[in-house]
Amino acid sequence: MSRARKMWDLVEDALAGTFLSVGIALILYGVVMRYAFNEPKAWVEEVANYTIVWGALLGVPIALRNNHHIQVDLLYDKMPDSIKRFMDIFSGVMGIVFCLFYTYYGYLLVAKRYTSGMVSMDVGIPMWLVYMILPISGIMFLLRFIDKLMMMLKEKKAQKEDQPVNVMKGKEDHHDARIV
């Protein structure tokens, strides 16, 4: 694994983990303030919600990187290798198309919130900042789909070049190269 890839993985993990941890810490702080000191803080719930949503959306590319997205492979496992390859490529391309739409429409939402001047109810955070996670996570997700697709295509090409043609080919485990 290249140094740049390891660094990118670390950045993804750190960002998602930090946002989720801050959100959980804020929830704990809110509970303590409400029940131990009888002084509830209105801003805590709002900021905790935003940070947890940011953490979850930053975690989506991590789940793709580690093949933790839900997949139903009952039919996939019974397909011939040539159809599996087509399905892998198709799902990668569809993932890229989805990310392009997701990022574009996330950007449009951010632009509308920016021009409207809309702010959150309790804290007064500009809503365009809150929605900024949509294009950010869309770009990160897009990069992961492109990376997975490129790795899968390189792996398939290397298999074709390195292995002699084998008529009695056994079943191979394609879970590491799958994009779904």
N, C-alpha and C. Protein backbone atom coordinates (compact mmCIF):
# COMPACT_ATOMS: atom_id res chain seq x y z
N MET A 1 0.86 -1.18 0.00
CA MET A 1 0.00 0.00 0.00
C MET A 1 0.90 1.23 0.00
N SER A 2 0.57 2.17 -0.84
CA SER A 2 1.40 3.36 -0.96
C SER A 2 1.26 4.27 0.26
N ARG A 3 2.25 5.10 0.41
CA ARG A 3 2.25 6.03 1.55
C ARG A 3 1.08 7.01 1.46
N ALA A 4 0.79 7.50 0.25
CA ALA A 4 -0.32 8.44 0.06
C ALA A 4 -1.65 7.77 0.42
N ARG A 5 -1.82 6.51 0.05
CA ARG A 5 -3.05 5.79 0.36
C ARG A 5 -3.20 5.61 1.88
N LYS A 6 -2.09 5.28 2.55
CA LYS A 6 -2.14 5.14 4.01
C LYS A 6 -2.49 6.46 4.67
N MET A 7 -1.94 7.54 4.14
CA MET A 7 -2.22 8.87 4.69
C MET A 7 -3.71 9.23 4.49
N TRP A 8 -4.21 8.93 3.30
CA TRP A 8 -5.63 9.21 3.00
C TRP A 8 -6.54 8.39 3.93
N ASP A 9 -6.19 7.13 4.14
CA ASP A 9 -6.96 6.28 5.06
C ASP A 9 -6.95 6.87 6.46
N LEU A 10 -5.80 7.33 6.90
CA LEU A 10 -5.66 7.92 8.23
C LEU A 10 -6.50 9.19 8.36
N VAL A 11 -6.48 10.03 7.34
CA VAL A 11 -7.28 11.26 7.37
C VAL A 11 -8.77 10.93 7.46
N GLU A 12 -9.21 9.97 6.64
CA GLU A 12 -10.63 9.56 6.70
C GLU A 12 -10.99 9.05 8.08
N ASP A 13 -10.18 8.15 8.61
CA ASP A 13 -10.46 7.58 9.93
C ASP A 13 -10.48 8.65 11.01
N ALA A 14 -9.50 9.56 10.96
CA ALA A 14 -9.40 10.60 11.98
C ALA A 14 -10.60 11.55 11.92
N LEU A 15 -10.99 11.95 10.72
CA LEU A 15 -12.12 12.88 10.60
C LEU A 15 -13.43 12.24 11.08
N ALA A 16 -13.72 11.06 10.57
CA ALA A 16 -14.96 10.40 10.96
C ALA A 16 -14.97 10.11 12.46
N GLY A 17 -13.87 9.59 12.97
CA GLY A 17 -13.78 9.27 14.39
C GLY A 17 -13.89 10.49 15.28
N THR A 18 -13.26 11.58 14.86
CA THR A 18 -13.32 12.81 15.66
C THR A 18 -14.74 13.35 15.73
N PHE A 19 -15.40 13.43 14.59
CA PHE A 19 -16.77 13.96 14.60
C PHE A 19 -17.71 13.08 15.42
N LEU A 20 -17.60 11.77 15.25
CA LEU A 20 -18.46 10.88 16.04
C LEU A 20 -18.15 10.98 17.53
N SER A 21 -16.88 11.04 17.88
CA SER A 21 -16.49 11.14 19.29
C SER A 21 -16.96 12.45 19.91
N VAL A 22 -16.80 13.53 19.19
CA VAL A 22 -17.27 14.83 19.70
C VAL A 22 -18.78 14.80 19.88
N GLY A 23 -19.49 14.23 18.94
CA GLY A 23 -20.95 14.14 19.07
C GLY A 23 -21.38 13.34 20.28
N ILE A 24 -20.73 12.21 20.50
CA ILE A 24 -21.06 11.38 21.66
C ILE A 24 -20.68 12.08 22.95
N ALA A 25 -19.54 12.76 22.96
CA ALA A 25 -19.13 13.51 24.16
C ALA A 25 -20.12 14.63 24.46
N LEU A 26 -20.62 15.29 23.42
CA LEU A 26 -21.61 16.35 23.63
C LEU A 26 -22.92 15.80 24.20
N ILE A 27 -23.31 14.63 23.72
CA ILE A 27 -24.52 14.01 24.25
C ILE A 27 -24.32 13.68 25.73
N LEU A 28 -23.18 13.13 26.08
CA LEU A 28 -22.87 12.83 27.48
C LEU A 28 -22.88 14.11 28.31
N TYR A 29 -22.26 15.17 27.79
CA TYR A 29 -22.26 16.45 28.49
C TYR A 29 -23.69 16.96 28.70
N GLY A 30 -24.53 16.84 27.68
CA GLY A 30 -25.91 17.28 27.79
C GLY A 30 -26.68 16.50 28.84
N VAL A 31 -26.46 15.20 28.90
CA VAL A 31 -27.14 14.37 29.91
C VAL A 31 -26.69 14.75 31.31
N VAL A 32 -25.39 14.93 31.49
CA VAL A 32 -24.86 15.31 32.81
C VAL A 32 -25.41 16.67 33.23
N MET A 33 -25.41 17.62 32.31
CA MET A 33 -25.91 18.97 32.65
C MET A 33 -27.40 18.94 32.97
N ARG A 34 -28.15 18.14 32.26
CA ARG A 34 -29.59 18.09 32.49
C ARG A 34 -29.94 17.37 33.79
N TYR A 35 -29.37 16.20 34.01
CA TYR A 35 -29.81 15.37 35.13
C TYR A 35 -28.97 15.54 36.40
N ALA A 36 -27.71 15.87 36.27
CA ALA A 36 -26.87 16.03 37.47
C ALA A 36 -26.92 17.45 38.00
N PHE A 37 -26.94 18.43 37.10
CA PHE A 37 -26.89 19.83 37.53
C PHE A 37 -28.20 20.58 37.29
N ASN A 38 -29.18 19.91 36.69
CA ASN A 38 -30.47 20.50 36.39
C ASN A 38 -30.34 21.81 35.60
N GLU A 39 -29.38 21.84 34.69
CA GLU A 39 -29.16 22.99 33.82
C GLU A 39 -29.02 22.52 32.38
N PRO A 40 -30.13 22.20 31.72
CA PRO A 40 -30.02 21.72 30.33
C PRO A 40 -29.49 22.81 29.40
N LYS A 41 -28.70 22.40 28.48
CA LYS A 41 -28.13 23.32 27.48
C LYS A 41 -28.78 23.05 26.13
N ALA A 42 -29.48 24.03 25.60
CA ALA A 42 -30.23 23.86 24.35
C ALA A 42 -29.30 23.62 23.16
N TRP A 43 -28.15 24.21 23.16
CA TRP A 43 -27.25 24.12 22.01
C TRP A 43 -26.62 22.74 21.85
N VAL A 44 -26.55 21.99 22.96
CA VAL A 44 -25.84 20.71 22.94
C VAL A 44 -26.48 19.73 21.97
N GLU A 45 -27.77 19.59 22.01
CA GLU A 45 -28.44 18.61 21.15
C GLU A 45 -28.25 18.97 19.67
N GLU A 46 -28.38 20.23 19.36
CA GLU A 46 -28.23 20.65 17.97
C GLU A 46 -26.82 20.39 17.45
N VAL A 47 -25.82 20.79 18.18
CA VAL A 47 -24.44 20.61 17.75
C VAL A 47 -24.08 19.12 17.72
N ALA A 48 -24.57 18.36 18.70
CA ALA A 48 -24.32 16.91 18.72
C ALA A 48 -24.91 16.25 17.48
N ASN A 49 -26.13 16.63 17.12
CA ASN A 49 -26.75 16.07 15.92
C ASN A 49 -25.92 16.35 14.68
N TYR A 50 -25.46 17.58 14.54
CA TYR A 50 -24.67 17.94 13.36
C TYR A 50 -23.35 17.17 13.33
N THR A 51 -22.68 17.06 14.46
CA THR A 51 -21.39 16.38 14.45
C THR A 51 -21.54 14.88 14.20
N ILE A 52 -22.59 14.27 14.72
CA ILE A 52 -22.81 12.84 14.47
C ILE A 52 -23.16 12.59 13.00
N VAL A 53 -23.97 13.46 12.41
CA VAL A 53 -24.29 13.32 10.99
C VAL A 53 -23.01 13.49 10.16
N TRP A 54 -22.19 14.46 10.49
CA TRP A 54 -20.92 14.64 9.77
C TRP A 54 -20.06 13.39 9.92
N GLY A 55 -19.94 12.87 11.13
CA GLY A 55 -19.14 11.67 11.36
C GLY A 55 -19.65 10.48 10.57
N ALA A 56 -20.97 10.31 10.54
CA ALA A 56 -21.55 9.18 9.80
C ALA A 56 -21.31 9.32 8.30
N LEU A 57 -21.50 10.52 7.76
CA LEU A 57 -21.30 10.71 6.32
C LEU A 57 -19.83 10.64 5.94
N LEU A 58 -18.94 11.00 6.85
CA LEU A 58 -17.52 10.83 6.59
C LEU A 58 -17.11 9.36 6.71
N GLY A 59 -17.92 8.57 7.39
CA GLY A 59 -17.64 7.15 7.54
C GLY A 59 -18.08 6.30 6.36
N VAL A 60 -18.91 6.85 5.49
CA VAL A 60 -19.39 6.09 4.33
C VAL A 60 -18.24 5.64 3.42
N PRO A 61 -17.29 6.53 3.08
CA PRO A 61 -16.17 6.04 2.26
C PRO A 61 -15.31 5.01 2.98
N ILE A 62 -15.24 5.10 4.30
CA ILE A 62 -14.47 4.11 5.07
C ILE A 62 -15.12 2.74 4.95
N ALA A 63 -16.44 2.71 5.03
CA ALA A 63 -17.16 1.45 4.89
C ALA A 63 -16.93 0.86 3.49
N LEU A 64 -16.90 1.70 2.48
CA LEU A 64 -16.62 1.21 1.12
C LEU A 64 -15.20 0.68 1.03
N ARG A 65 -14.26 1.39 1.62
CA ARG A 65 -12.85 0.97 1.60
C ARG A 65 -12.69 -0.41 2.24
N ASN A 66 -13.42 -0.67 3.31
CA ASN A 66 -13.29 -1.92 4.05
C ASN A 66 -14.33 -2.97 3.67
N ASN A 67 -15.09 -2.72 2.58
CA ASN A 67 -16.13 -3.65 2.11
C ASN A 67 -17.17 -3.95 3.19
N HIS A 68 -17.63 -2.94 3.89
CA HIS A 68 -18.61 -3.13 4.94
C HIS A 68 -20.02 -2.65 4.57
N HIS A 69 -20.20 -2.26 3.32
CA HIS A 69 -21.56 -1.90 2.90
C HIS A 69 -22.38 -3.18 2.74
N ILE A 70 -23.66 -3.06 2.93
CA ILE A 70 -24.55 -4.22 2.81
C ILE A 70 -24.52 -4.71 1.37
N GLN A 71 -24.38 -6.00 1.22
CA GLN A 71 -24.41 -6.58 -0.12
C GLN A 71 -25.11 -7.94 -0.06
N VAL A 72 -25.87 -8.19 -1.08
CA VAL A 72 -26.53 -9.48 -1.20
C VAL A 72 -25.83 -10.20 -2.33
N ASP A 73 -25.09 -11.24 -1.98
CA ASP A 73 -24.29 -11.91 -3.00
C ASP A 73 -24.71 -13.36 -3.24
N LEU A 74 -25.92 -13.68 -2.88
CA LEU A 74 -26.43 -15.03 -3.09
C LEU A 74 -26.41 -15.38 -4.58
N LEU A 75 -26.94 -14.50 -5.41
CA LEU A 75 -26.96 -14.72 -6.85
C LEU A 75 -25.56 -14.50 -7.44
N TYR A 76 -24.87 -13.49 -6.95
CA TYR A 76 -23.53 -13.15 -7.45
C TYR A 76 -22.57 -14.34 -7.35
N ASP A 77 -22.60 -15.03 -6.24
CA ASP A 77 -21.69 -16.16 -6.03
C ASP A 77 -21.93 -17.31 -7.01
N LYS A 78 -23.11 -17.40 -7.57
CA LYS A 78 -23.44 -18.48 -8.50
C LYS A 78 -23.17 -18.11 -9.96
N MET A 79 -22.78 -16.86 -10.21
CA MET A 79 -22.54 -16.41 -11.59
C MET A 79 -21.17 -16.87 -12.08
N PRO A 80 -21.04 -17.02 -13.40
CA PRO A 80 -19.72 -17.30 -13.97
C PRO A 80 -18.80 -16.08 -13.80
N ASP A 81 -17.50 -16.31 -13.85
CA ASP A 81 -16.53 -15.25 -13.60
C ASP A 81 -16.68 -14.07 -14.57
N SER A 82 -17.01 -14.35 -15.82
CA SER A 82 -17.14 -13.26 -16.79
C SER A 82 -18.31 -12.33 -16.43
N ILE A 83 -19.39 -12.91 -15.95
CA ILE A 83 -20.54 -12.08 -15.55
C ILE A 83 -20.23 -11.36 -14.24
N LYS A 84 -19.51 -12.00 -13.35
CA LYS A 84 -19.09 -11.33 -12.11
C LYS A 84 -18.25 -10.10 -12.42
N ARG A 85 -17.35 -10.25 -13.36
CA ARG A 85 -16.50 -9.12 -13.75
C ARG A 85 -17.36 -7.99 -14.29
N PHE A 86 -18.30 -8.31 -15.18
CA PHE A 86 -19.20 -7.29 -15.71
C PHE A 86 -20.00 -6.62 -14.60
N MET A 87 -20.51 -7.41 -13.66
CA MET A 87 -21.31 -6.86 -12.55
C MET A 87 -20.45 -5.96 -11.65
N ASP A 88 -19.22 -6.36 -11.41
CA ASP A 88 -18.31 -5.53 -10.61
C ASP A 88 -18.05 -4.19 -11.27
N ILE A 89 -17.77 -4.23 -12.56
CA ILE A 89 -17.53 -2.99 -13.29
C ILE A 89 -18.79 -2.14 -13.33
N PHE A 90 -19.92 -2.77 -13.61
CA PHE A 90 -21.19 -2.05 -13.66
C PHE A 90 -21.50 -1.39 -12.32
N SER A 91 -21.33 -2.12 -11.22
CA SER A 91 -21.63 -1.54 -9.91
C SER A 91 -20.67 -0.41 -9.58
N GLY A 92 -19.42 -0.52 -10.00
CA GLY A 92 -18.46 0.56 -9.78
C GLY A 92 -18.84 1.81 -10.55
N VAL A 93 -19.21 1.63 -11.81
CA VAL A 93 -19.62 2.77 -12.64
C VAL A 93 -20.89 3.40 -12.07
N MET A 94 -21.85 2.59 -11.65
CA MET A 94 -23.08 3.13 -11.07
C MET A 94 -22.79 3.86 -9.76
N GLY A 95 -21.86 3.37 -8.97
CA GLY A 95 -21.46 4.06 -7.75
C GLY A 95 -20.87 5.42 -8.06
N ILE A 96 -20.05 5.48 -9.10
CA ILE A 96 -19.45 6.76 -9.51
C ILE A 96 -20.52 7.73 -9.98
N VAL A 97 -21.46 7.24 -10.78
CA VAL A 97 -22.57 8.08 -11.25
C VAL A 97 -23.38 8.60 -10.06
N PHE A 98 -23.70 7.72 -9.12
CA PHE A 98 -24.43 8.14 -7.92
C PHE A 98 -23.67 9.25 -7.19
N CYS A 99 -22.37 9.06 -7.01
CA CYS A 99 -21.57 10.05 -6.28
C CYS A 99 -21.54 11.39 -6.99
N LEU A 100 -21.50 11.36 -8.30
CA LEU A 100 -21.52 12.61 -9.06
C LEU A 100 -22.83 13.37 -8.83
N PHE A 101 -23.95 12.66 -8.89
CA PHE A 101 -25.25 13.29 -8.62
C PHE A 101 -25.33 13.78 -7.18
N TYR A 102 -24.92 12.94 -6.24
CA TYR A 102 -24.95 13.26 -4.82
C TYR A 102 -24.12 14.52 -4.53
N THR A 103 -22.94 14.59 -5.10
CA THR A 103 -22.06 15.73 -4.88
C THR A 103 -22.64 16.99 -5.53
N TYR A 104 -23.12 16.86 -6.74
CA TYR A 104 -23.68 18.01 -7.46
C TYR A 104 -24.88 18.59 -6.73
N TYR A 105 -25.83 17.72 -6.37
CA TYR A 105 -27.03 18.23 -5.71
C TYR A 105 -26.74 18.67 -4.27
N GLY A 106 -25.75 18.08 -3.64
CA GLY A 106 -25.30 18.57 -2.34
C GLY A 106 -24.73 19.97 -2.46
N TYR A 107 -23.96 20.19 -3.51
CA TYR A 107 -23.42 21.53 -3.77
C TYR A 107 -24.54 22.53 -4.01
N LEU A 108 -25.54 22.15 -4.80
CA LEU A 108 -26.67 23.06 -5.04
C LEU A 108 -27.39 23.41 -3.74
N LEU A 109 -27.56 22.43 -2.86
CA LEU A 109 -28.19 22.69 -1.57
C LEU A 109 -27.36 23.66 -0.73
N VAL A 110 -26.06 23.47 -0.72
CA VAL A 110 -25.17 24.38 0.02
C VAL A 110 -25.28 25.79 -0.56
N ALA A 111 -25.28 25.91 -1.88
CA ALA A 111 -25.36 27.23 -2.52
C ALA A 111 -26.68 27.93 -2.18
N LYS A 112 -27.78 27.17 -2.17
CA LYS A 112 -29.08 27.77 -1.83
C LYS A 112 -29.11 28.24 -0.38
N ARG A 113 -28.53 27.43 0.51
CA ARG A 113 -28.50 27.81 1.93
C ARG A 113 -27.58 29.01 2.16
N TYR A 114 -26.54 29.10 1.37
CA TYR A 114 -25.60 30.22 1.49
C TYR A 114 -26.29 31.52 1.07
N THR A 115 -26.98 31.48 -0.06
CA THR A 115 -27.63 32.71 -0.55
C THR A 115 -28.83 33.08 0.29
N SER A 116 -29.48 32.11 0.93
CA SER A 116 -30.66 32.42 1.75
C SER A 116 -30.29 33.01 3.10
N GLY A 117 -29.05 32.75 3.56
CA GLY A 117 -28.64 33.25 4.86
C GLY A 117 -29.28 32.49 6.02
N MET A 118 -29.82 31.33 5.76
CA MET A 118 -30.50 30.52 6.78
C MET A 118 -29.51 30.08 7.86
N VAL A 119 -29.93 30.17 9.13
CA VAL A 119 -29.10 29.74 10.26
C VAL A 119 -29.88 28.74 11.11
N SER A 120 -29.14 27.97 11.92
CA SER A 120 -29.79 26.98 12.78
C SER A 120 -30.56 27.67 13.91
N MET A 121 -31.50 26.97 14.51
CA MET A 121 -32.42 27.56 15.48
C MET A 121 -31.75 27.97 16.79
N ASP A 122 -31.02 27.08 17.42
CA ASP A 122 -30.49 27.36 18.76
C ASP A 122 -29.14 28.06 18.76
N VAL A 123 -28.25 27.64 17.89
CA VAL A 123 -26.88 28.14 17.93
C VAL A 123 -26.66 29.28 16.93
N GLY A 124 -27.39 29.25 15.84
CA GLY A 124 -27.20 30.27 14.82
C GLY A 124 -26.08 29.94 13.84
N ILE A 125 -25.77 28.65 13.70
CA ILE A 125 -24.76 28.22 12.74
C ILE A 125 -25.35 28.39 11.34
N PRO A 126 -24.60 29.00 10.43
CA PRO A 126 -25.10 29.09 9.05
C PRO A 126 -25.35 27.68 8.50
N MET A 127 -26.53 27.47 7.96
CA MET A 127 -26.91 26.13 7.51
C MET A 127 -26.08 25.65 6.32
N TRP A 128 -25.51 26.57 5.58
CA TRP A 128 -24.66 26.13 4.47
C TRP A 128 -23.44 25.38 5.01
N LEU A 129 -22.98 25.75 6.20
CA LEU A 129 -21.87 25.01 6.81
C LEU A 129 -22.30 23.61 7.21
N VAL A 130 -23.51 23.50 7.72
CA VAL A 130 -24.02 22.19 8.14
C VAL A 130 -24.17 21.29 6.92
N TYR A 131 -24.69 21.82 5.83
CA TYR A 131 -24.92 21.02 4.62
C TYR A 131 -23.65 20.81 3.79
N MET A 132 -22.59 21.47 4.15
CA MET A 132 -21.33 21.34 3.41
C MET A 132 -20.82 19.90 3.42
N ILE A 133 -21.25 19.12 4.38
CA ILE A 133 -20.82 17.72 4.45
C ILE A 133 -21.29 16.93 3.23
N LEU A 134 -22.36 17.35 2.60
CA LEU A 134 -22.87 16.60 1.44
C LEU A 134 -21.87 16.59 0.28
N PRO A 135 -21.42 17.74 -0.21
CA PRO A 135 -20.42 17.65 -1.29
C PRO A 135 -19.07 17.11 -0.81
N ILE A 136 -18.70 17.37 0.43
CA ILE A 136 -17.43 16.84 0.94
C ILE A 136 -17.46 15.31 0.97
N SER A 137 -18.50 14.75 1.57
CA SER A 137 -18.59 13.29 1.64
C SER A 137 -18.81 12.69 0.26
N GLY A 138 -19.51 13.41 -0.61
CA GLY A 138 -19.70 12.93 -1.97
C GLY A 138 -18.39 12.81 -2.72
N ILE A 139 -17.52 13.78 -2.56
CA ILE A 139 -16.21 13.73 -3.22
C ILE A 139 -15.37 12.60 -2.63
N MET A 140 -15.39 12.46 -1.31
CA MET A 140 -14.63 11.38 -0.67
C MET A 140 -15.13 10.01 -1.10
N PHE A 141 -16.46 9.88 -1.18
CA PHE A 141 -17.08 8.62 -1.62
C PHE A 141 -16.73 8.35 -3.09
N LEU A 142 -16.78 9.38 -3.91
CA LEU A 142 -16.43 9.27 -5.32
C LEU A 142 -14.99 8.79 -5.49
N LEU A 143 -14.08 9.38 -4.73
CA LEU A 143 -12.68 8.97 -4.82
C LEU A 143 -12.50 7.50 -4.43
N ARG A 144 -13.24 7.05 -3.42
CA ARG A 144 -13.16 5.64 -3.02
C ARG A 144 -13.70 4.72 -4.10
N PHE A 145 -14.82 5.12 -4.74
CA PHE A 145 -15.36 4.29 -5.82
C PHE A 145 -14.38 4.21 -6.98
N ILE A 146 -13.78 5.33 -7.34
CA ILE A 146 -12.80 5.34 -8.43
C ILE A 146 -11.61 4.46 -8.05
N ASP A 147 -11.13 4.60 -6.82
CA ASP A 147 -10.00 3.80 -6.35
C ASP A 147 -10.34 2.31 -6.40
N LYS A 148 -11.52 1.93 -5.91
CA LYS A 148 -11.93 0.52 -5.92
C LYS A 148 -12.03 -0.01 -7.34
N LEU A 149 -12.61 0.78 -8.23
CA LEU A 149 -12.76 0.36 -9.61
C LEU A 149 -11.40 0.19 -10.28
N MET A 150 -10.49 1.13 -10.06
CA MET A 150 -9.15 1.04 -10.64
C MET A 150 -8.39 -0.17 -10.09
N MET A 151 -8.50 -0.41 -8.79
CA MET A 151 -7.84 -1.58 -8.19
C MET A 151 -8.39 -2.87 -8.78
N MET A 152 -9.70 -2.92 -8.95
CA MET A 152 -10.32 -4.12 -9.49
C MET A 152 -9.88 -4.35 -10.94
N LEU A 153 -9.83 -3.29 -11.73
CA LEU A 153 -9.41 -3.42 -13.12
C LEU A 153 -7.94 -3.82 -13.21
N LYS A 154 -7.10 -3.27 -12.36
CA LYS A 154 -5.67 -3.66 -12.34
C LYS A 154 -5.51 -5.11 -11.92
N GLU A 155 -6.29 -5.52 -10.92
CA GLU A 155 -6.22 -6.91 -10.44
C GLU A 155 -6.64 -7.88 -11.54
N LYS A 156 -7.69 -7.57 -12.23
CA LYS A 156 -8.17 -8.44 -13.32
C LYS A 156 -7.16 -8.48 -14.45
N LYS A 157 -6.56 -7.32 -14.76
CA LYS A 157 -5.57 -7.28 -15.83
C LYS A 157 -4.34 -8.10 -15.45
N ALA A 158 -3.91 -7.97 -14.19
CA ALA A 158 -2.75 -8.73 -13.72
C ALA A 158 -3.04 -10.22 -13.74
N GLN A 159 -4.26 -10.61 -13.40
CA GLN A 159 -4.63 -12.02 -13.42
C GLN A 159 -4.56 -12.56 -14.84
N LYS A 160 -5.03 -11.77 -15.80
CA LYS A 160 -5.01 -12.22 -17.19
C LYS A 160 -3.59 -12.35 -17.71
N GLU A 161 -2.70 -11.43 -17.31
CA GLU A 161 -1.33 -11.44 -17.81
C GLU A 161 -0.48 -12.50 -17.12
N ASP A 162 -0.70 -12.73 -15.84
CA ASP A 162 0.15 -13.62 -15.05
C ASP A 162 -0.24 -15.08 -15.13
N GLN A 163 -1.51 -15.36 -15.32
CA GLN A 163 -1.97 -16.74 -15.23
C GLN A 163 -2.17 -17.33 -16.62
N PRO A 164 -1.70 -18.55 -16.81
CA PRO A 164 -2.00 -19.24 -18.07
C PRO A 164 -3.49 -19.58 -18.13
N VAL A 165 -3.97 -19.77 -19.32
CA VAL A 165 -5.38 -20.12 -19.48
C VAL A 165 -5.61 -21.50 -18.89
N ASN A 166 -6.61 -21.61 -18.03
CA ASN A 166 -6.92 -22.86 -17.35
C ASN A 166 -8.37 -23.21 -17.65
N VAL A 167 -8.57 -24.28 -18.35
CA VAL A 167 -9.92 -24.69 -18.73
C VAL A 167 -10.72 -25.12 -17.50
N MET A 168 -10.09 -25.78 -16.57
CA MET A 168 -10.76 -26.27 -15.36
C MET A 168 -10.57 -25.28 -14.22
N LYS A 169 -11.02 -24.09 -14.42
CA LYS A 169 -10.83 -23.02 -13.46
C LYS A 169 -11.74 -23.22 -12.26
N GLY A 170 -11.18 -23.08 -11.05
CA GLY A 170 -11.97 -23.21 -9.83
C GLY A 170 -12.61 -21.89 -9.45
N LYS A 171 -13.46 -21.96 -8.45
CA LYS A 171 -14.12 -20.75 -7.98
C LYS A 171 -13.12 -19.87 -7.26
N GLU A 172 -13.22 -18.57 -7.50
CA GLU A 172 -12.34 -17.61 -6.85
C GLU A 172 -13.18 -16.72 -5.93
N ASP A 173 -12.57 -16.23 -4.89
CA ASP A 173 -13.26 -15.32 -3.97
C ASP A 173 -13.03 -13.89 -4.44
N HIS A 174 -14.06 -13.23 -4.88
CA HIS A 174 -13.95 -11.88 -5.42
C HIS A 174 -14.37 -10.81 -4.42
N HIS A 175 -14.54 -11.14 -3.16
CA HIS A 175 -15.05 -10.17 -2.20
C HIS A 175 -14.12 -8.97 -2.01
N ASP A 176 -12.82 -9.16 -2.15
CA ASP A 176 -11.91 -8.03 -1.95
C ASP A 176 -11.96 -7.04 -3.09
N ALA A 177 -12.30 -7.49 -4.28
CA ALA A 177 -12.31 -6.61 -5.43
C ALA A 177 -13.70 -6.03 -5.70
N ARG A 178 -14.71 -6.55 -5.03
CA ARG A 178 -16.08 -6.12 -5.30
C ARG A 178 -16.30 -4.71 -4.85
N ILE A 179 -17.17 -4.05 -5.54
CA ILE A 179 -17.47 -2.66 -5.23
C ILE A 179 -18.78 -2.51 -4.50
N VAL A 180 -19.65 -3.44 -4.64
CA VAL A 180 -21.01 -3.32 -4.10
C VAL A 180 -21.00 -2.97 -2.65
